[in-house]
N, C-alpha and C. Protein backbone atom coordinates (compact mmCIF):
# COMPACT_ATOMS: atom_id res chain seq x y z
N MET A 1 0.85 -1.16 0.00
CA MET A 1 0.00 0.00 0.00
C MET A 1 0.91 1.23 0.00
N PRO A 2 0.95 2.00 -1.11
CA PRO A 2 1.81 3.18 -1.14
C PRO A 2 1.21 4.32 -0.31
N CYS A 3 2.08 5.03 0.39
CA CYS A 3 1.65 6.18 1.21
C CYS A 3 2.37 7.42 0.72
N THR A 4 1.64 8.54 0.67
CA THR A 4 2.19 9.80 0.19
C THR A 4 2.02 10.87 1.26
N PRO A 5 3.12 11.51 1.67
CA PRO A 5 3.00 12.62 2.63
C PRO A 5 2.53 13.88 1.90
N LEU A 6 1.61 14.62 2.50
CA LEU A 6 1.08 15.86 1.93
C LEU A 6 1.31 17.01 2.89
N THR A 7 1.59 18.18 2.34
CA THR A 7 1.69 19.40 3.13
C THR A 7 0.68 20.38 2.56
N PHE A 8 -0.24 20.85 3.38
CA PHE A 8 -1.29 21.77 2.95
C PHE A 8 -0.80 23.21 3.03
N PRO A 9 -1.48 24.13 2.31
CA PRO A 9 -1.06 25.54 2.31
C PRO A 9 -0.95 26.17 3.71
N ASP A 10 -1.76 25.71 4.66
CA ASP A 10 -1.71 26.29 6.01
C ASP A 10 -0.59 25.68 6.86
N GLY A 11 0.21 24.78 6.27
CA GLY A 11 1.33 24.17 6.97
C GLY A 11 1.02 22.84 7.64
N SER A 12 -0.25 22.48 7.69
CA SER A 12 -0.59 21.18 8.28
C SER A 12 -0.15 20.06 7.34
N ARG A 13 0.06 18.89 7.93
CA ARG A 13 0.57 17.76 7.15
C ARG A 13 -0.31 16.55 7.35
N ALA A 14 -0.28 15.66 6.37
CA ALA A 14 -1.06 14.42 6.43
C ALA A 14 -0.34 13.36 5.61
N ILE A 15 -0.69 12.12 5.87
CA ILE A 15 -0.20 11.00 5.07
C ILE A 15 -1.42 10.28 4.52
N VAL A 16 -1.44 10.11 3.19
CA VAL A 16 -2.55 9.45 2.53
C VAL A 16 -2.04 8.13 1.96
N CYS A 17 -2.70 7.04 2.35
CA CYS A 17 -2.33 5.71 1.85
C CYS A 17 -3.43 5.19 0.94
N THR A 18 -3.03 4.61 -0.19
CA THR A 18 -3.98 4.08 -1.16
C THR A 18 -3.62 2.65 -1.51
N ARG A 19 -4.56 1.96 -2.10
CA ARG A 19 -4.33 0.57 -2.53
C ARG A 19 -3.58 0.50 -3.84
N GLY A 20 -3.52 1.56 -4.57
CA GLY A 20 -2.90 1.55 -5.89
C GLY A 20 -3.96 1.53 -6.96
N PRO A 21 -3.56 1.47 -8.21
CA PRO A 21 -4.53 1.51 -9.30
C PRO A 21 -5.42 0.28 -9.33
N ARG A 22 -6.66 0.47 -9.65
CA ARG A 22 -7.61 -0.64 -9.77
C ARG A 22 -7.39 -1.32 -11.12
N PRO A 23 -7.58 -2.65 -11.18
CA PRO A 23 -7.38 -3.35 -12.45
C PRO A 23 -8.39 -2.87 -13.50
N ARG A 24 -7.95 -2.83 -14.74
CA ARG A 24 -8.79 -2.40 -15.85
C ARG A 24 -8.93 -3.52 -16.87
N CYS A 25 -10.07 -3.53 -17.53
CA CYS A 25 -10.34 -4.44 -18.63
C CYS A 25 -9.55 -3.94 -19.85
N ALA A 26 -9.41 -4.76 -20.87
CA ALA A 26 -8.71 -4.36 -22.09
C ALA A 26 -9.40 -3.17 -22.75
N CYS A 27 -10.71 -3.00 -22.53
CA CYS A 27 -11.45 -1.87 -23.12
C CYS A 27 -11.25 -0.59 -22.35
N GLY A 28 -10.60 -0.63 -21.18
CA GLY A 28 -10.32 0.55 -20.39
C GLY A 28 -11.26 0.75 -19.21
N THR A 29 -12.34 -0.01 -19.15
CA THR A 29 -13.30 0.09 -18.06
C THR A 29 -12.75 -0.61 -16.82
N ARG A 30 -13.16 -0.17 -15.64
CA ARG A 30 -12.73 -0.81 -14.40
C ARG A 30 -13.19 -2.27 -14.39
N ALA A 31 -12.28 -3.17 -14.10
CA ALA A 31 -12.58 -4.61 -14.11
C ALA A 31 -13.23 -5.03 -12.81
N ALA A 32 -14.26 -5.85 -12.93
CA ALA A 32 -14.94 -6.39 -11.75
C ALA A 32 -14.87 -7.90 -11.73
N LEU A 33 -14.39 -8.50 -12.83
CA LEU A 33 -14.37 -9.96 -12.97
C LEU A 33 -13.01 -10.41 -13.49
N GLN A 34 -12.79 -11.73 -13.45
CA GLN A 34 -11.59 -12.31 -14.04
C GLN A 34 -11.99 -13.56 -14.82
N CYS A 35 -11.22 -13.87 -15.87
CA CYS A 35 -11.47 -15.05 -16.69
C CYS A 35 -11.20 -16.31 -15.87
N ASP A 36 -12.13 -17.26 -15.95
CA ASP A 36 -12.03 -18.50 -15.19
C ASP A 36 -11.57 -19.69 -16.03
N ALA A 37 -11.10 -19.45 -17.25
CA ALA A 37 -10.63 -20.55 -18.09
C ALA A 37 -9.35 -21.13 -17.51
N PRO A 38 -9.20 -22.45 -17.53
CA PRO A 38 -7.97 -23.06 -17.01
C PRO A 38 -6.74 -22.59 -17.79
N ALA A 39 -5.65 -22.42 -17.10
CA ALA A 39 -4.39 -22.01 -17.72
C ALA A 39 -3.25 -22.57 -16.89
N LYS A 40 -2.08 -22.65 -17.49
CA LYS A 40 -0.91 -23.16 -16.79
C LYS A 40 -0.26 -22.02 -16.01
N ARG A 41 -0.97 -21.56 -15.01
CA ARG A 41 -0.50 -20.50 -14.13
C ARG A 41 -0.60 -21.00 -12.70
N LYS A 42 0.02 -20.29 -11.80
CA LYS A 42 -0.01 -20.69 -10.39
C LYS A 42 -1.45 -20.76 -9.87
N SER A 43 -2.30 -19.83 -10.31
CA SER A 43 -3.69 -19.82 -9.85
C SER A 43 -4.53 -20.89 -10.53
N GLY A 44 -4.06 -21.39 -11.67
CA GLY A 44 -4.79 -22.41 -12.41
C GLY A 44 -5.81 -21.88 -13.40
N THR A 45 -6.00 -20.55 -13.42
CA THR A 45 -6.95 -19.95 -14.37
C THR A 45 -6.28 -18.79 -15.10
N CYS A 46 -6.91 -18.35 -16.20
CA CYS A 46 -6.41 -17.26 -17.03
C CYS A 46 -6.25 -15.98 -16.22
N ASP A 47 -7.25 -15.62 -15.44
CA ASP A 47 -7.24 -14.45 -14.55
C ASP A 47 -7.15 -13.11 -15.27
N ARG A 48 -7.46 -13.07 -16.56
CA ARG A 48 -7.49 -11.78 -17.26
C ARG A 48 -8.59 -10.92 -16.66
N HIS A 49 -8.30 -9.67 -16.38
CA HIS A 49 -9.29 -8.76 -15.79
C HIS A 49 -10.32 -8.37 -16.84
N LEU A 50 -11.60 -8.43 -16.44
CA LEU A 50 -12.71 -8.18 -17.36
C LEU A 50 -13.76 -7.26 -16.76
N CYS A 51 -14.39 -6.45 -17.61
CA CYS A 51 -15.57 -5.69 -17.17
C CYS A 51 -16.79 -6.54 -17.51
N ALA A 52 -17.95 -6.17 -16.99
CA ALA A 52 -19.16 -6.96 -17.19
C ALA A 52 -19.56 -7.03 -18.66
N SER A 53 -19.31 -5.98 -19.45
CA SER A 53 -19.74 -6.00 -20.84
C SER A 53 -18.80 -6.83 -21.73
N CYS A 54 -17.56 -7.02 -21.36
CA CYS A 54 -16.61 -7.82 -22.15
C CYS A 54 -16.58 -9.28 -21.74
N ALA A 55 -17.08 -9.61 -20.55
CA ALA A 55 -17.06 -10.98 -20.05
C ALA A 55 -18.21 -11.80 -20.63
N THR A 56 -17.96 -13.07 -20.85
CA THR A 56 -19.00 -14.00 -21.27
C THR A 56 -19.28 -14.90 -20.07
N GLU A 57 -20.51 -14.84 -19.57
CA GLU A 57 -20.87 -15.65 -18.41
C GLU A 57 -21.22 -17.06 -18.89
N VAL A 58 -20.57 -18.06 -18.32
CA VAL A 58 -20.78 -19.45 -18.73
C VAL A 58 -21.34 -20.30 -17.60
N GLY A 59 -21.61 -19.70 -16.48
CA GLY A 59 -22.15 -20.41 -15.33
C GLY A 59 -22.21 -19.48 -14.14
N PRO A 60 -22.72 -19.98 -13.03
CA PRO A 60 -22.77 -19.13 -11.84
C PRO A 60 -21.37 -18.72 -11.41
N ASP A 61 -21.11 -17.44 -11.40
CA ASP A 61 -19.82 -16.88 -11.00
C ASP A 61 -18.67 -17.44 -11.84
N ARG A 62 -18.93 -17.73 -13.11
CA ARG A 62 -17.90 -18.23 -14.04
C ARG A 62 -17.96 -17.39 -15.30
N HIS A 63 -16.82 -16.79 -15.66
CA HIS A 63 -16.75 -15.89 -16.79
C HIS A 63 -15.53 -16.21 -17.65
N LEU A 64 -15.65 -15.89 -18.93
CA LEU A 64 -14.54 -16.10 -19.87
C LEU A 64 -14.19 -14.79 -20.54
N CYS A 65 -12.90 -14.62 -20.85
CA CYS A 65 -12.46 -13.47 -21.64
C CYS A 65 -12.89 -13.72 -23.09
N GLN A 66 -12.79 -12.70 -23.93
CA GLN A 66 -13.22 -12.82 -25.32
C GLN A 66 -12.41 -13.87 -26.07
N GLU A 67 -11.13 -13.98 -25.76
CA GLU A 67 -10.27 -14.96 -26.43
C GLU A 67 -10.73 -16.39 -26.13
N HIS A 68 -10.99 -16.71 -24.87
CA HIS A 68 -11.43 -18.06 -24.52
C HIS A 68 -12.86 -18.33 -24.96
N ALA A 69 -13.72 -17.34 -24.93
CA ALA A 69 -15.10 -17.51 -25.38
C ALA A 69 -15.13 -17.77 -26.89
N ALA A 70 -14.29 -17.07 -27.65
CA ALA A 70 -14.24 -17.25 -29.11
C ALA A 70 -13.68 -18.61 -29.51
N SER A 71 -12.82 -19.17 -28.67
CA SER A 71 -12.21 -20.47 -28.99
C SER A 71 -13.16 -21.63 -28.71
N GLY A 72 -14.36 -21.33 -28.21
CA GLY A 72 -15.33 -22.38 -27.94
C GLY A 72 -15.03 -23.14 -26.68
N PHE A 73 -14.24 -22.54 -25.81
CA PHE A 73 -13.85 -23.19 -24.56
C PHE A 73 -15.06 -23.41 -23.67
N ALA A 74 -15.13 -24.59 -23.06
CA ALA A 74 -16.16 -24.89 -22.06
C ALA A 74 -15.44 -25.16 -20.75
N PRO A 75 -15.90 -24.56 -19.65
CA PRO A 75 -15.25 -24.82 -18.36
C PRO A 75 -15.17 -26.30 -18.05
N ALA A 76 -14.10 -26.72 -17.42
CA ALA A 76 -13.84 -28.14 -17.17
C ALA A 76 -14.96 -28.83 -16.43
N ASN A 77 -15.54 -28.20 -15.42
CA ASN A 77 -16.57 -28.86 -14.65
C ASN A 77 -17.87 -29.01 -15.43
N GLU A 78 -18.10 -28.19 -16.47
CA GLU A 78 -19.30 -28.32 -17.28
C GLU A 78 -19.08 -29.24 -18.48
N ALA A 79 -17.85 -29.29 -18.98
CA ALA A 79 -17.56 -30.12 -20.15
C ALA A 79 -17.61 -31.60 -19.82
N SER A 80 -17.32 -31.95 -18.59
CA SER A 80 -17.26 -33.36 -18.23
C SER A 80 -18.59 -33.93 -17.75
N GLN A 81 -19.61 -33.08 -17.66
CA GLN A 81 -20.91 -33.57 -17.20
C GLN A 81 -21.63 -34.29 -18.33
N PRO A 82 -22.26 -35.44 -18.05
CA PRO A 82 -22.99 -36.14 -19.11
C PRO A 82 -24.22 -35.37 -19.52
N VAL A 83 -24.60 -35.56 -20.80
CA VAL A 83 -25.75 -34.84 -21.36
C VAL A 83 -26.98 -35.68 -21.27
């Protein structure tokens, strides 16, 4: 958490701490979701930051980025279920 010391015109001082920049979707909108497609990463998923309009919902609390949605990817737990 970065902290910045401030000095006001009247001579008073303060320290303001922030979390840093919020993640953004590729379209520039603030991201609220992440891609849940499996990937060879430590987390096990793609984790690309997505906004609600760019995400493709494929299940309850499961979203895909445009790249994985276009490739016809089906989440592992849904692909293995019998029809």
